[in-house]
PDB file of N, CA and C in Angstrom:
ATOM      1  N   MET A   1     -18.930   9.152  -6.598  1.00  0.00           N
ATOM      2  CA  MET A   1     -19.199   8.731  -5.244  1.00  0.00           C
ATOM      3  C   MET A   1     -17.981   7.985  -4.724  1.00  0.00           C
ATOM      4  N   VAL A   2     -17.553   8.336  -3.553  1.00  0.00           N
ATOM      5  CA  VAL A   2     -16.388   7.699  -2.955  1.00  0.00           C
ATOM      6  C   VAL A   2     -16.871   6.585  -2.039  1.00  0.00           C
ATOM      7  N   THR A   3     -16.509   5.385  -2.420  1.00  0.00           N
ATOM      8  CA  THR A   3     -16.915   4.204  -1.655  1.00  0.00           C
ATOM      9  C   THR A   3     -15.798   3.796  -0.704  1.00  0.00           C
ATOM     10  N   PRO A   4     -16.069   2.872   0.211  1.00  0.00           N
ATOM     11  CA  PRO A   4     -14.992   2.369   1.072  1.00  0.00           C
ATOM     12  C   PRO A   4     -13.843   1.746   0.253  1.00  0.00           C
ATOM     13  N   GLU A   5     -14.198   1.125  -0.870  1.00  0.00           N
ATOM     14  CA  GLU A   5     -13.167   0.529  -1.729  1.00  0.00           C
ATOM     15  C   GLU A   5     -12.291   1.622  -2.341  1.00  0.00           C
ATOM     16  N   THR A   6     -12.921   2.725  -2.746  1.00  0.00           N
ATOM     17  CA  THR A   6     -12.181   3.848  -3.311  1.00  0.00           C
ATOM     18  C   THR A   6     -11.219   4.416  -2.271  1.00  0.00           C
ATOM     19  N   LYS A   7     -11.704   4.605  -1.048  1.00  0.00           N
ATOM     20  CA  LYS A   7     -10.858   5.121   0.019  1.00  0.00           C
ATOM     21  C   LYS A   7      -9.682   4.201   0.290  1.00  0.00           C
ATOM     22  N   ALA A   8      -9.931   2.895   0.294  1.00  0.00           N
ATOM     23  CA  ALA A   8      -8.862   1.925   0.538  1.00  0.00           C
ATOM     24  C   ALA A   8      -7.809   2.007  -0.563  1.00  0.00           C
ATOM     25  N   GLU A   9      -8.247   2.139  -1.806  1.00  0.00           N
ATOM     26  CA  GLU A   9      -7.307   2.246  -2.923  1.00  0.00           C
ATOM     27  C   GLU A   9      -6.506   3.544  -2.837  1.00  0.00           C
ATOM     28  N   MET A  10      -7.163   4.629  -2.467  1.00  0.00           N
ATOM     29  CA  MET A  10      -6.460   5.906  -2.316  1.00  0.00           C
ATOM     30  C   MET A  10      -5.398   5.801  -1.220  1.00  0.00           C
ATOM     31  N   LYS A  11      -5.703   5.126  -0.137  1.00  0.00           N
ATOM     32  CA  LYS A  11      -4.730   4.946   0.940  1.00  0.00           C
ATOM     33  C   LYS A  11      -3.571   4.075   0.477  1.00  0.00           C
ATOM     34  N   ARG A  12      -3.843   3.060  -0.338  1.00  0.00           N
ATOM     35  CA  ARG A  12      -2.791   2.193  -0.867  1.00  0.00           C
ATOM     36  C   ARG A  12      -1.856   2.992  -1.770  1.00  0.00           C
ATOM     37  N   VAL A  13      -2.436   3.816  -2.638  1.00  0.00           N
ATOM     38  CA  VAL A  13      -1.635   4.638  -3.546  1.00  0.00           C
ATOM     39  C   VAL A  13      -0.794   5.632  -2.749  1.00  0.00           C
ATOM     40  N   LEU A  14      -1.375   6.268  -1.752  1.00  0.00           N
ATOM     41  CA  LEU A  14      -0.631   7.205  -0.915  1.00  0.00           C
ATOM     42  C   LEU A  14       0.533   6.504  -0.220  1.00  0.00           C
ATOM     43  N   ALA A  15       0.297   5.309   0.279  1.00  0.00           N
ATOM     44  CA  ALA A  15       1.369   4.552   0.938  1.00  0.00           C
ATOM     45  C   ALA A  15       2.496   4.250  -0.053  1.00  0.00           C
ATOM     46  N   ASP A  16       2.142   3.902  -1.299  1.00  0.00           N
ATOM     47  CA  ASP A  16       3.160   3.655  -2.330  1.00  0.00           C
ATOM     48  C   ASP A  16       3.993   4.909  -2.591  1.00  0.00           C
ATOM     49  N   ILE A  17       3.328   6.055  -2.609  1.00  0.00           N
ATOM     50  CA  ILE A  17       4.039   7.318  -2.846  1.00  0.00           C
ATOM     51  C   ILE A  17       4.945   7.635  -1.662  1.00  0.00           C
ATOM     52  N   GLN A  18       4.411   7.531  -0.471  1.00  0.00           N
ATOM     53  CA  GLN A  18       5.181   7.887   0.723  1.00  0.00           C
ATOM     54  C   GLN A  18       6.363   6.953   0.947  1.00  0.00           C
ATOM     55  N   SER A  19       6.224   5.691   0.589  1.00  0.00           N
ATOM     56  CA  SER A  19       7.307   4.726   0.804  1.00  0.00           C
ATOM     57  C   SER A  19       8.392   4.808  -0.268  1.00  0.00           C
ATOM     58  N   GLY A  20       8.078   5.471  -1.387  1.00  0.00           N
ATOM     59  CA  GLY A  20       9.029   5.539  -2.487  1.00  0.00           C
ATOM     60  C   GLY A  20       8.816   4.441  -3.514  1.00  0.00           C
ATOM     61  N   ARG A  21       7.892   3.547  -3.243  1.00  0.00           N
ATOM     62  CA  ARG A  21       7.644   2.429  -4.169  1.00  0.00           C
ATOM     63  C   ARG A  21       7.174   2.934  -5.534  1.00  0.00           C
ATOM     64  N   PHE A  22       6.299   3.933  -5.542  1.00  0.00           N
ATOM     65  CA  PHE A  22       5.783   4.459  -6.810  1.00  0.00           C
ATOM     66  C   PHE A  22       6.923   4.915  -7.711  1.00  0.00           C
ATOM     67  N   VAL A  23       7.831   5.712  -7.166  1.00  0.00           N
ATOM     68  CA  VAL A  23       8.914   6.243  -8.001  1.00  0.00           C
ATOM     69  C   VAL A  23       9.865   5.121  -8.426  1.00  0.00           C
ATOM     70  N   ARG A  24      10.118   4.153  -7.556  1.00  0.00           N
ATOM     71  CA  ARG A  24      10.970   3.022  -7.948  1.00  0.00           C
ATOM     72  C   ARG A  24      10.342   2.257  -9.103  1.00  0.00           C
ATOM     73  N   ASP A  25       9.034   1.965  -8.989  1.00  0.00           N
ATOM     74  CA  ASP A  25       8.335   1.244 -10.069  1.00  0.00           C
ATOM     75  C   ASP A  25       8.338   2.065 -11.359  1.00  0.00           C
ATOM     76  N   TRP A  26       8.161   3.384 -11.233  1.00  0.00           N
ATOM     77  CA  TRP A  26       8.138   4.251 -12.420  1.00  0.00           C
ATOM     78  C   TRP A  26       9.511   4.273 -13.089  1.00  0.00           C
ATOM     79  N   MET A  27      10.570   4.320 -12.302  1.00  0.00           N
ATOM     80  CA  MET A  27      11.923   4.316 -12.862  1.00  0.00           C
ATOM     81  C   MET A  27      12.202   3.011 -13.604  1.00  0.00           C
ATOM     82  N   VAL A  28      11.751   1.889 -13.072  1.00  0.00           N
ATOM     83  CA  VAL A  28      11.908   0.595 -13.752  1.00  0.00           C
ATOM     84  C   VAL A  28      11.118   0.609 -15.056  1.00  0.00           C
ATOM     85  N   GLU A  29       9.893   1.115 -15.001  1.00  0.00           N
ATOM     86  CA  GLU A  29       9.049   1.219 -16.203  1.00  0.00           C
ATOM     87  C   GLU A  29       9.739   2.070 -17.272  1.00  0.00           C
ATOM     88  N   CYS A  30      10.306   3.195 -16.875  1.00  0.00           N
ATOM     89  CA  CYS A  30      10.986   4.073 -17.833  1.00  0.00           C
ATOM     90  C   CYS A  30      12.234   3.417 -18.401  1.00  0.00           C
ATOM     91  N   ALA A  31      12.987   2.735 -17.567  1.00  0.00           N
ATOM     92  CA  ALA A  31      14.207   2.071 -18.026  1.00  0.00           C
ATOM     93  C   ALA A  31      13.896   0.979 -19.045  1.00  0.00           C
ATOM     94  N   ALA A  32      12.700   0.397 -18.939  1.00  0.00           N
ATOM     95  CA  ALA A  32      12.291  -0.664 -19.869  1.00  0.00           C
ATOM     96  C   ALA A  32      11.613  -0.110 -21.120  1.00  0.00           C
ATOM     97  N   GLY A  33      11.543   1.211 -21.252  1.00  0.00           N
ATOM     98  CA  GLY A  33      10.925   1.812 -22.433  1.00  0.00           C
ATOM     99  C   GLY A  33       9.438   2.074 -22.282  1.00  0.00           C
ATOM    100  N   GLN A  34       8.942   2.066 -21.071  1.00  0.00           N
ATOM    101  CA  GLN A  34       7.544   2.362 -20.730  1.00  0.00           C
ATOM    102  C   GLN A  34       6.523   1.454 -21.431  1.00  0.00           C
ATOM    103  N   PRO A  35       6.710   0.146 -21.438  1.00  0.00           N
ATOM    104  CA  PRO A  35       5.769  -0.714 -22.162  1.00  0.00           C
ATOM    105  C   PRO A  35       4.349  -0.688 -21.587  1.00  0.00           C
ATOM    106  N   ALA A  36       4.205  -0.725 -20.278  1.00  0.00           N
ATOM    107  CA  ALA A  36       2.861  -0.727 -19.687  1.00  0.00           C
ATOM    108  C   ALA A  36       2.191   0.634 -19.883  1.00  0.00           C
ATOM    109  N   PHE A  37       2.953   1.708 -19.713  1.00  0.00           N
ATOM    110  CA  PHE A  37       2.412   3.052 -19.881  1.00  0.00           C
ATOM    111  C   PHE A  37       1.936   3.270 -21.314  1.00  0.00           C
ATOM    112  N   LYS A  38       2.768   2.882 -22.280  1.00  0.00           N
ATOM    113  CA  LYS A  38       2.404   3.060 -23.686  1.00  0.00           C
ATOM    114  C   LYS A  38       1.212   2.185 -24.067  1.00  0.00           C
ATOM    115  N   ALA A  39       1.125   0.980 -23.512  1.00  0.00           N
ATOM    116  CA  ALA A  39      -0.020   0.109 -23.780  1.00  0.00           C
ATOM    117  C   ALA A  39      -1.303   0.731 -23.225  1.00  0.00           C
ATOM    118  N   ALA A  40      -1.216   1.312 -22.047  1.00  0.00           N
ATOM    119  CA  ALA A  40      -2.390   1.969 -21.450  1.00  0.00           C
ATOM    120  C   ALA A  40      -2.820   3.162 -22.307  1.00  0.00           C
ATOM    121  N   ARG A  41      -1.860   3.923 -22.810  1.00  0.00           N
ATOM    122  CA  ARG A  41      -2.194   5.057 -23.684  1.00  0.00           C
ATOM    123  C   ARG A  41      -2.885   4.577 -24.960  1.00  0.00           C
ATOM    124  N   ARG A  42      -2.391   3.475 -25.529  1.00  0.00           N
ATOM    125  CA  ARG A  42      -3.025   2.932 -26.741  1.00  0.00           C
ATOM    126  C   ARG A  42      -4.455   2.487 -26.454  1.00  0.00           C
ATOM    127  N   ARG A  43      -4.649   1.785 -25.329  1.00  0.00           N
ATOM    128  CA  ARG A  43      -6.007   1.344 -24.958  1.00  0.00           C
ATOM    129  C   ARG A  43      -6.928   2.539 -24.765  1.00  0.00           C
ATOM    130  N   ASP A  44      -6.422   3.557 -24.071  1.00  0.00           N
ATOM    131  CA  ASP A  44      -7.238   4.755 -23.832  1.00  0.00           C
ATOM    132  C   ASP A  44      -7.586   5.454 -25.144  1.00  0.00           C
ATOM    133  N   ALA A  45      -6.636   5.526 -26.065  1.00  0.00           N
ATOM    134  CA  ALA A  45      -6.874   6.198 -27.355  1.00  0.00           C
ATOM    135  C   ALA A  45      -7.912   5.467 -28.189  1.00  0.00           C
ATOM    136  N   GLU A  46      -8.052   4.167 -27.982  1.00  0.00           N
ATOM    137  CA  GLU A  46      -9.011   3.365 -28.744  1.00  0.00           C
ATOM    138  C   GLU A  46     -10.400   3.330 -28.113  1.00  0.00           C
ATOM    139  N   HIS A  47     -10.561   3.949 -26.957  1.00  0.00           N
ATOM    140  CA  HIS A  47     -11.856   3.937 -26.267  1.00  0.00           C
ATOM    141  C   HIS A  47     -12.875   4.739 -27.091  1.00  0.00           C
ATOM    142  N   PRO A  48     -14.120   4.273 -27.164  1.00  0.00           N
ATOM    143  CA  PRO A  48     -15.139   4.979 -27.951  1.00  0.00           C
ATOM    144  C   PRO A  48     -15.323   6.446 -27.568  1.00  0.00           C
ATOM    145  N   ILE A  49     -15.090   6.783 -26.319  1.00  0.00           N
ATOM    146  CA  ILE A  49     -15.281   8.188 -25.930  1.00  0.00           C
ATOM    147  C   ILE A  49     -14.285   9.101 -26.635  1.00  0.00           C
ATOM    148  N   GLU A  50     -13.129   8.567 -27.021  1.00  0.00           N
ATOM    149  CA  GLU A  50     -12.146   9.380 -27.738  1.00  0.00           C
ATOM    150  C   GLU A  50     -12.642   9.731 -29.138  1.00  0.00           C
ATOM    151  N   GLU A  51     -13.364   8.821 -29.772  1.00  0.00           N
ATOM    152  CA  GLU A  51     -13.946   9.107 -31.095  1.00  0.00           C
ATOM    153  C   GLU A  51     -14.988  10.219 -30.973  1.00  0.00           C
ATOM    154  N   VAL A  52     -15.837  10.098 -29.978  1.00  0.00           N
ATOM    155  CA  VAL A  52     -16.867  11.119 -29.747  1.00  0.00           C
ATOM    156  C   VAL A  52     -16.205  12.456 -29.402  1.00  0.00           C
ATOM    157  N   GLY A  53     -15.186  12.418 -28.547  1.00  0.00           N
ATOM    158  CA  GLY A  53     -14.488  13.635 -28.167  1.00  0.00           C
ATOM    159  C   GLY A  53     -13.857  14.326 -29.366  1.00  0.00           C
ATOM    160  N   ALA A  54     -13.271  13.551 -30.267  1.00  0.00           N
ATOM    161  CA  ALA A  54     -12.653  14.131 -31.461  1.00  0.00           C
ATOM    162  C   ALA A  54     -13.700  14.828 -32.323  1.00  0.00           C
ATOM    163  N   ARG A  55     -14.862  14.192 -32.462  1.00  0.00           N
ATOM    164  CA  ARG A  55     -15.931  14.822 -33.262  1.00  0.00           C
ATOM    165  C   ARG A  55     -16.410  16.105 -32.598  1.00  0.00           C
ATOM    166  N   LEU A  56     -16.559  16.080 -31.285  1.00  0.00           N
ATOM    167  CA  LEU A  56     -17.007  17.281 -30.575  1.00  0.00           C
ATOM    168  C   LEU A  56     -15.976  18.406 -30.672  1.00  0.00           C
ATOM    169  N   ARG A  57     -14.696  18.068 -30.474  1.00  0.00           N
ATOM    170  CA  ARG A  57     -13.653  19.094 -30.564  1.00  0.00           C
ATOM    171  C   ARG A  57     -13.585  19.687 -31.965  1.00  0.00           C
ATOM    172  N   ALA A  58     -13.854  18.878 -32.982  1.00  0.00           N
ATOM    173  CA  ALA A  58     -13.845  19.383 -34.358  1.00  0.00           C
ATOM    174  C   ALA A  58     -14.937  20.432 -34.570  1.00  0.00           C
ATOM    175  N   MET A  59     -15.983  20.395 -33.769  1.00  0.00           N
ATOM    176  CA  MET A  59     -17.066  21.375 -33.870  1.00  0.00           C
ATOM    177  C   MET A  59     -16.725  22.677 -33.147  1.00  0.00           C
ATOM    178  N   MET A  60     -15.594  22.707 -32.457  1.00  0.00           N
ATOM    179  CA  MET A  60     -15.195  23.876 -31.666  1.00  0.00           C
ATOM    180  C   MET A  60     -13.822  24.349 -32.118  1.00  0.00           C
ATOM    181  N   PRO A  61     -13.745  25.090 -33.208  1.00  0.00           N
ATOM    182  CA  PRO A  61     -12.445  25.478 -33.764  1.00  0.00           C
ATOM    183  C   PRO A  61     -11.585  26.320 -32.822  1.00  0.00           C
ATOM    184  N   TRP A  62     -12.188  27.019 -31.882  1.00  0.00           N
ATOM    185  CA  TRP A  62     -11.416  27.851 -30.965  1.00  0.00           C
ATOM    186  C   TRP A  62     -10.533  27.007 -30.049  1.00  0.00           C
ATOM    187  N   ILE A  63     -10.875  25.741 -29.857  1.00  0.00           N
ATOM    188  CA  ILE A  63     -10.060  24.873 -29.004  1.00  0.00           C
ATOM    189  C   ILE A  63      -8.682  24.662 -29.626  1.00  0.00           C
ATOM    190  N   ALA A  64      -8.625  24.428 -30.925  1.00  0.00           N
ATOM    191  CA  ALA A  64      -7.348  24.183 -31.601  1.00  0.00           C
ATOM    192  C   ALA A  64      -6.431  25.398 -31.522  1.00  0.00           C
ATOM    193  N   LYS A  65      -6.997  26.587 -31.498  1.00  0.00           N
ATOM    194  CA  LYS A  65      -6.181  27.805 -31.439  1.00  0.00           C
ATOM    195  C   LYS A  65      -5.440  27.917 -30.107  1.00  0.00           C
ATOM    196  N   ASN A  66      -6.041  27.408 -29.047  1.00  0.00           N
ATOM    197  CA  ASN A  66      -5.459  27.505 -27.701  1.00  0.00           C
ATOM    198  C   ASN A  66      -4.995  26.144 -27.192  1.00  0.00           C
ATOM    199  N   LYS A  67      -4.458  25.347 -28.076  1.00  0.00           N
ATOM    200  CA  LYS A  67      -4.046  23.987 -27.737  1.00  0.00           C
ATOM    201  C   LYS A  67      -3.010  23.980 -26.623  1.00  0.00           C
ATOM    202  N   LEU A  68      -3.272  23.200 -25.561  1.00  0.00           N
ATOM    203  CA  LEU A  68      -2.329  23.068 -24.472  1.00  0.00           C
ATOM    204  C   LEU A  68      -1.347  21.916 -24.713  1.00  0.00           C
ATOM    205  N   VAL A  69      -1.796  20.900 -25.432  1.00  0.00           N
ATOM    206  CA  VAL A  69      -0.959  19.724 -25.672  1.00  0.00           C
ATOM    207  C   VAL A  69      -0.825  19.518 -27.160  1.00  0.00           C
ATOM    208  N   ASP A  70       0.407  19.411 -27.633  1.00  0.00           N
ATOM    209  CA  ASP A  70       0.671  19.104 -29.027  1.00  0.00           C
ATOM    210  C   ASP A  70       0.757  17.589 -29.154  1.00  0.00           C
ATOM    211  N   GLN A  71      -0.300  16.962 -29.651  1.00  0.00           N
ATOM    212  CA  GLN A  71      -0.348  15.502 -29.721  1.00  0.00           C
ATOM    213  C   GLN A  71       0.659  14.930 -30.707  1.00  0.00           C
ATOM    214  N   GLU A  72       1.224  15.754 -31.569  1.00  0.00           N
ATOM    215  CA  GLU A  72       2.286  15.287 -32.461  1.00  0.00           C
ATOM    216  C   GLU A  72       3.561  15.012 -31.668  1.00  0.00           C
ATOM    217  N   LYS A  73       3.747  15.759 -30.573  1.00  0.00           N
ATOM    218  CA  LYS A  73       4.949  15.600 -29.748  1.00  0.00           C
ATOM    219  C   LYS A  73       4.711  14.730 -28.525  1.00  0.00           C
ATOM    220  N   ASN A  74       3.484  14.716 -28.012  1.00  0.00           N
ATOM    221  CA  ASN A  74       3.184  14.000 -26.775  1.00  0.00           C
ATOM    222  C   ASN A  74       2.267  12.850 -27.038  1.00  0.00           C
TER     223      ASN A  74
END
């Protein structure tokens, strides 16, 4: 459900993209070794849904055959 708060946030993000702020912030993040990005990835990987997802994917062997992302590299 899209709330007024969601719309406001989407407009803020769009303004950041259009102004160039997003790319400037991303370039600074990359130059620093992506500490915030990597921390977010670690937090996401530790979320309980990832454990459940791993168990579910293990029950579907055909998924591994058509892997789109090699998690060893990415």
